[in-house]
Protein backbone atom coordinates (compact mmCIF):
# COMPACT_ATOMS: atom_id res chain seq x y z
CA MET A 1 136.94 95.08 73.47
CA ALA A 2 140.73 95.17 74.33
CA ASP A 3 140.51 98.44 76.09
CA VAL A 4 137.66 97.55 78.35
CA LYS A 5 138.79 97.99 82.02
CA MET A 6 138.59 94.69 83.96
CA ILE A 7 138.44 95.74 87.79
CA ALA A 8 136.92 93.69 90.60
CA THR A 9 134.26 95.32 92.54
CA ARG A 10 135.89 94.45 95.66
CA GLU A 11 139.04 96.56 94.90
CA SER A 12 136.30 99.32 94.25
CA TYR A 13 135.24 99.09 97.81
CA GLY A 14 138.48 99.07 99.39
CA ASN A 15 139.67 102.10 97.23
CA THR A 16 136.21 104.20 98.20
CA LEU A 17 136.94 103.48 101.86
CA LYS A 18 140.42 105.19 101.58
CA ALA A 19 139.17 108.09 99.57
CA LEU A 20 136.27 108.90 101.94
CA ALA A 21 138.48 108.51 104.75
CA ALA A 22 141.00 110.99 103.16
CA GLU A 23 138.05 113.30 102.13
CA GLY A 24 137.91 114.14 106.00
CA HIS A 25 135.21 111.62 107.00
CA ASP A 26 136.58 111.12 110.40
CA ASP A 27 133.53 109.03 111.67
CA LEU A 28 134.55 106.20 109.01
CA VAL A 29 135.85 103.10 110.67
CA VAL A 30 136.57 99.54 109.33
CA LEU A 31 136.41 96.47 110.59
CA ASP A 32 137.83 93.15 109.15
CA ALA A 33 138.02 89.38 109.90
CA ASP A 34 141.23 88.99 109.16
CA LEU A 35 140.78 88.82 105.52
CA ALA A 36 142.11 92.46 104.95
CA ALA A 37 144.17 91.37 101.78
CA ALA A 38 141.21 89.65 100.14
CA THR A 39 138.31 92.15 100.91
CA LYS A 40 140.71 95.15 99.91
CA THR A 41 140.30 96.93 103.17
CA GLY A 42 144.28 96.57 103.51
CA VAL A 43 144.36 99.75 101.58
CA PHE A 44 142.16 101.54 103.95
CA ARG A 45 144.33 99.94 106.88
CA LYS A 46 147.67 101.43 105.24
CA ALA A 47 146.50 104.72 105.31
CA HIS A 48 144.49 104.88 108.43
CA PRO A 49 145.77 102.06 110.59
CA ASP A 50 144.33 103.73 113.76
CA ARG A 51 140.67 103.51 112.32
CA HIS A 52 140.84 99.83 111.02
CA PHE A 53 140.08 97.03 113.56
CA ASP A 54 141.17 93.24 112.94
CA CYS A 55 138.44 91.46 115.02
CA GLY A 56 140.09 88.06 113.56
CA ILE A 57 138.22 85.06 112.42
CA ALA A 58 134.89 85.96 114.53
CA GLU A 59 132.67 87.50 112.38
CA ALA A 60 129.67 87.33 114.80
CA ASN A 61 131.86 89.16 117.12
CA MET A 62 132.64 91.48 114.54
CA MET A 63 129.12 92.63 114.23
CA GLY A 64 128.54 93.11 117.82
CA VAL A 65 131.71 95.34 117.83
CA ALA A 66 130.25 97.49 114.56
CA ALA A 67 126.86 97.77 116.58
CA GLY A 68 128.50 99.29 119.59
CA LEU A 69 130.97 101.67 117.74
CA SER A 70 127.40 103.07 115.55
CA THR A 71 126.08 103.74 118.73
CA MET A 72 128.97 106.06 119.53
CA GLY A 73 128.38 107.92 116.42
CA TYR A 74 131.10 106.24 114.05
CA VAL A 75 129.72 104.79 110.79
CA PRO A 76 131.50 101.30 110.46
CA PHE A 77 131.91 99.18 107.79
CA VAL A 78 132.21 95.58 108.63
CA SER A 79 134.27 93.48 105.61
CA SER A 80 134.15 89.79 105.32
CA PHE A 81 133.06 87.13 102.71
CA ALA A 82 129.69 87.00 101.91
CA MET A 83 129.34 83.74 103.06
CA PHE A 84 130.73 84.58 106.64
CA ALA A 85 129.19 88.18 106.69
CA ALA A 86 126.00 87.10 105.96
CA GLY A 87 125.62 83.32 106.68
CA ARG A 88 127.83 83.06 109.93
CA ALA A 89 126.92 86.32 111.35
CA PHE A 90 122.91 86.15 110.49
CA GLU A 91 121.74 86.25 113.90
CA GLN A 92 123.94 88.88 115.23
CA ILE A 93 123.07 90.97 112.09
CA ARG A 94 119.42 90.64 112.88
CA ASN A 95 119.49 91.14 116.48
CA SER A 96 122.22 93.66 117.04
CA VAL A 97 121.87 95.60 113.84
CA ALA A 98 118.80 95.45 111.87
CA TYR A 99 116.37 95.33 114.77
CA PRO A 100 117.53 98.39 116.46
CA HIS A 101 118.16 99.68 112.75
CA LEU A 102 122.06 100.72 113.46
CA ASN A 103 124.21 102.56 110.90
CA VAL A 104 126.36 99.86 110.18
CA LYS A 105 127.53 98.76 106.47
CA ILE A 106 128.45 95.31 105.77
CA GLY A 107 130.99 94.91 102.93
CA ALA A 108 130.43 91.54 101.66
CA THR A 109 133.03 90.38 99.29
CA HIS A 110 133.43 87.20 97.10
CA GLY A 111 130.07 86.78 96.63
CA GLY A 112 128.43 84.14 93.87
CA ILE A 113 129.80 81.55 92.09
CA SER A 114 132.46 83.27 90.55
CA VAL A 115 134.62 82.65 93.92
CA GLY A 116 135.97 80.11 91.78
CA GLU A 117 138.53 77.69 93.08
CA ASP A 118 137.58 78.39 96.79
CA GLY A 119 134.63 76.17 96.04
CA ALA A 120 131.17 75.41 97.48
CA SER A 121 131.78 76.34 101.12
CA HIS A 122 132.66 80.07 99.98
CA GLN A 123 130.44 80.50 97.23
CA CYS A 124 127.63 82.16 99.00
CA CYS A 125 124.33 82.12 96.75
CA GLU A 126 122.36 82.55 99.27
CA ASP A 127 123.09 85.99 101.05
CA PHE A 128 120.38 88.19 99.16
CA ALA A 129 117.81 85.77 100.40
CA LEU A 130 118.94 86.17 103.96
CA MET A 131 119.27 89.91 103.86
CA ARG A 132 116.00 90.57 102.40
CA SER A 133 114.24 88.57 105.03
CA LEU A 134 115.48 91.31 107.55
CA PRO A 135 113.24 94.49 107.90
CA GLY A 136 114.63 97.92 106.89
CA MET A 137 117.90 96.09 105.38
CA THR A 138 118.93 97.80 102.39
CA ILE A 139 120.93 95.64 99.80
CA ILE A 140 123.17 96.61 96.92
CA CYS A 141 124.94 94.50 94.52
CA PRO A 142 126.97 96.85 91.72
CA ALA A 143 127.53 95.62 88.46
CA ASP A 144 130.90 97.47 87.71
CA ASP A 145 133.64 99.46 89.38
CA VAL A 146 131.78 103.00 88.75
CA GLU A 147 128.82 101.76 90.43
CA ALA A 148 130.45 99.82 93.18
CA ARG A 149 132.45 103.21 94.03
CA ALA A 150 129.10 105.19 93.80
CA ALA A 151 127.46 102.61 95.86
CA VAL A 152 129.98 102.90 99.07
CA ARG A 153 129.85 106.47 99.13
CA ALA A 154 125.70 106.36 99.23
CA ALA A 155 125.79 103.71 101.78
CA TYR A 156 127.91 106.14 103.82
CA GLU A 157 125.60 109.19 103.26
CA MET A 158 122.47 107.29 104.09
CA GLN A 159 121.27 106.08 107.89
CA GLY A 160 120.38 102.33 108.62
CA PRO A 161 121.96 99.05 107.81
CA VAL A 162 123.25 98.33 104.63
CA TYR A 163 124.54 95.47 102.91
CA LEU A 164 126.69 95.70 99.79
CA ARG A 165 127.61 92.88 98.06
CA PHE A 166 131.03 92.50 95.98
CA GLY A 167 132.81 90.08 93.84
CA ARG A 168 136.36 88.22 93.55
CA LEU A 169 136.49 88.52 89.69
CA ALA A 170 137.71 91.34 87.73
CA VAL A 171 134.61 92.36 85.42
CA PRO A 172 134.08 94.93 82.80
CA VAL A 173 133.77 98.59 83.59
CA PHE A 174 131.00 99.71 81.34
CA HIS A 175 129.67 102.84 83.08
CA ASP A 176 130.86 106.39 82.03
CA GLU A 177 131.74 107.89 85.49
CA ALA A 178 130.97 111.45 84.14
CA ASN A 179 127.69 110.63 83.17
CA TYR A 180 126.75 108.25 85.75
CA HIS A 181 124.18 108.83 88.56
CA PHE A 182 123.62 106.58 91.43
CA GLU A 183 120.63 106.55 93.59
CA ILE A 184 119.58 103.93 96.00
CA GLY A 185 116.35 102.01 95.19
CA LYS A 186 116.35 103.14 91.43
CA GLY A 187 117.21 100.99 88.66
CA GLU A 188 118.75 101.75 85.55
CA GLN A 189 117.64 101.15 81.94
CA LEU A 190 120.66 100.18 79.63
CA THR A 191 119.19 99.59 76.34
CA GLU A 192 115.63 100.26 74.59
CA GLY A 193 113.35 97.44 73.47
CA SER A 194 110.00 96.23 73.62
CA ASP A 195 110.12 92.56 72.63
CA ILE A 196 111.68 91.16 76.38
CA ALA A 197 112.80 92.95 79.28
CA ILE A 198 116.24 91.47 80.89
CA VAL A 199 116.28 92.40 84.67
CA ALA A 200 119.72 91.55 85.85
CA THR A 201 122.17 92.75 88.92
CA GLY A 202 125.75 92.32 89.41
CA LEU A 203 128.28 91.01 87.26
CA MET A 204 125.13 89.48 85.08
CA VAL A 205 124.19 92.78 83.86
CA ASN A 206 127.36 92.74 81.56
CA GLU A 207 125.96 89.48 80.52
CA ALA A 208 122.66 90.87 79.96
CA ARG A 209 124.23 93.50 77.80
CA LYS A 210 125.92 90.95 75.69
CA ALA A 211 122.81 88.98 75.31
CA ALA A 212 120.90 92.05 74.19
CA GLU A 213 123.61 92.72 71.51
CA THR A 214 123.23 88.91 70.13
CA LEU A 215 119.30 89.15 70.58
CA ALA A 216 119.29 92.41 68.42
CA ALA A 217 121.41 90.80 65.67
CA GLU A 218 118.77 88.05 65.53
CA GLY A 219 116.05 91.03 65.13
CA ILE A 220 114.94 90.78 68.88
CA HIS A 221 115.07 94.36 70.65
CA ALA A 222 115.45 93.39 74.33
CA ARG A 223 115.38 95.98 77.13
CA VAL A 224 118.12 95.74 79.68
CA ILE A 225 117.70 97.02 83.08
CA ASN A 226 120.29 97.14 85.92
CA ILE A 227 119.06 96.56 89.18
CA HIS A 228 121.60 97.33 91.50
CA THR A 229 119.36 97.68 94.67
CA ILE A 230 117.64 94.44 95.55
CA LYS A 231 115.76 96.06 98.25
CA PRO A 232 114.27 98.35 98.36
CA LEU A 233 113.27 97.13 94.66
CA ASP A 234 112.58 99.77 91.99
CA GLU A 235 109.25 98.81 91.26
CA ASP A 236 108.17 101.52 88.84
CA ILE A 237 110.94 100.54 86.44
CA ILE A 238 109.86 96.83 86.47
CA LEU A 239 106.15 97.42 86.20
CA LYS A 240 106.94 99.65 83.18
CA ALA A 241 108.99 97.04 81.65
CA ALA A 242 106.52 94.59 82.32
CA ARG A 243 103.46 96.65 80.42
CA GLU A 244 105.83 97.71 77.73
CA CYS A 245 107.64 94.18 76.74
CA GLY A 246 105.49 91.56 78.06
CA ARG A 247 108.00 89.20 79.01
CA ILE A 248 110.81 89.42 81.57
CA VAL A 249 113.93 87.12 82.06
CA THR A 250 115.90 88.06 85.62
CA ALA A 251 119.69 87.28 85.73
CA GLU A 252 121.50 87.00 89.00
CA GLU A 253 124.52 85.49 90.64
CA HIS A 254 122.43 84.00 93.44
CA ASN A 255 119.94 80.91 93.64
CA VAL A 256 116.84 81.49 92.09
CA ILE A 257 115.17 81.11 95.09
CA GLY A 258 114.93 84.17 97.45
CA GLY A 259 117.01 86.64 95.12
CA LEU A 260 116.31 89.15 92.22
CA GLY A 261 113.95 86.97 90.53
CA GLU A 262 112.11 85.96 93.25
CA ALA A 263 111.50 89.78 94.20
CA VAL A 264 110.51 90.54 90.83
CA CYS A 265 108.13 87.52 90.42
CA SER A 266 106.54 88.78 93.99
CA LEU A 267 105.83 92.17 92.74
CA LEU A 268 104.38 91.21 89.33
CA SER A 269 102.34 88.45 90.66
CA GLU A 270 100.45 90.83 93.08
CA LYS A 271 100.68 94.17 90.69
CA LEU A 272 100.86 93.18 87.26
CA PRO A 273 100.97 89.23 86.60
CA THR A 274 103.51 88.92 83.59
CA PRO A 275 105.48 85.57 82.23
CA VAL A 276 108.97 85.63 84.05
CA ARG A 277 111.92 83.46 83.81
CA ARG A 278 114.80 83.16 86.07
CA VAL A 279 118.43 82.89 85.16
CA GLY A 280 120.54 82.15 88.17
CA VAL A 281 121.90 79.18 90.29
CA GLN A 282 119.27 76.34 89.95
CA ASP A 283 118.79 75.85 93.74
CA LYS A 284 122.29 73.82 93.68
CA PHE A 285 125.67 74.32 95.46
CA GLY A 286 128.35 75.34 93.76
CA CYS A 287 131.85 73.36 93.09
CA SER A 288 135.37 74.47 92.80
CA GLY A 289 136.86 75.44 89.45
CA PRO A 290 138.21 78.80 87.32
CA ALA A 291 135.45 81.38 87.82
CA TRP A 292 134.56 82.06 84.04
CA ASP A 293 134.17 78.37 83.70
CA LEU A 294 131.90 77.87 86.51
CA LEU A 295 129.48 81.05 85.37
CA LYS A 296 129.30 79.09 82.06
CA GLU A 297 128.52 75.73 83.88
CA TYR A 298 125.75 76.93 85.99
CA GLY A 299 124.38 79.08 82.99
CA LEU A 300 125.40 82.27 84.42
CA ASP A 301 126.11 83.80 80.91
CA ALA A 302 124.85 85.61 78.21
CA ALA A 303 124.37 82.46 76.25
CA THR A 304 121.68 81.15 78.79
CA ILE A 305 120.27 84.46 78.78
CA CYS A 306 119.63 84.79 75.16
CA LYS A 307 118.48 80.90 75.04
CA THR A 308 116.11 81.79 77.93
CA ALA A 309 114.60 85.18 76.11
CA LYS A 310 114.20 83.32 72.70
CA GLU A 311 112.52 80.32 74.26
CA MET A 312 110.18 82.88 75.84
CA LEU A 313 109.44 84.17 72.40
CA GLY A 314 108.69 80.82 71.15
CA ARG A 315 112.22 81.41 68.82
């Protein structure tokens, strides 16, 4: 495992914006809220200073500026921490972006508990819930660098509002870029298995992969599904897993209320009732500490996924 690359998806975000601009996409502009060093849009600003706008610590106003730019034919990527992008500016996103269905892309970095030492005030575990409630909002949470770069490109190419969540923490790159295909709204099956399905998003996808390896050593064959698009949800891949596996564990770095787990439960309760257990933040606020220690403390790890799966199987 020593040669596995570790890259934070916020790095992928900044690098892809720079690459898109270099490829001649002259309508792409980037807005930030005095956080360009942290959101990694600073690399775009350095290369294209005339197309980067620092709106200051005023996310609500920044959303309005982005909405206006989109009506002039630009494709604005609005950047801030998830807590401020989704939380502080929710009303402006609702009324100025989602309601008129404008072509604004929200690049929300520092999502989840893995923000670490910044503590509860910055650890946004409610953003999926907030954004899922908005009609027409696409929500993407990539699992690694390869997927994050593909997600930014896909968001640029589609019409309409998109919420992209990126992490502060460097995570393993497990996708093979040469053979990887990203499609908004389509999940990805990573492992074969029919004993139980693990449906994960973001950094929990790699934890699900690790859990599947541990379970396999104990004779339990887990199907791992990567759901990079929270909304629209890939219903087909989840219903297929429910039919063929009979039990599902969801895993997300988000409150179990309002996120991926709840989306999966809503789907299955209506179309194919199936036992589901949700691994995630159990309706608590975060606290300050080293990121990996916090993830373990809050049960956002492979060990908790394994334990949950075995409990469901009576093992």
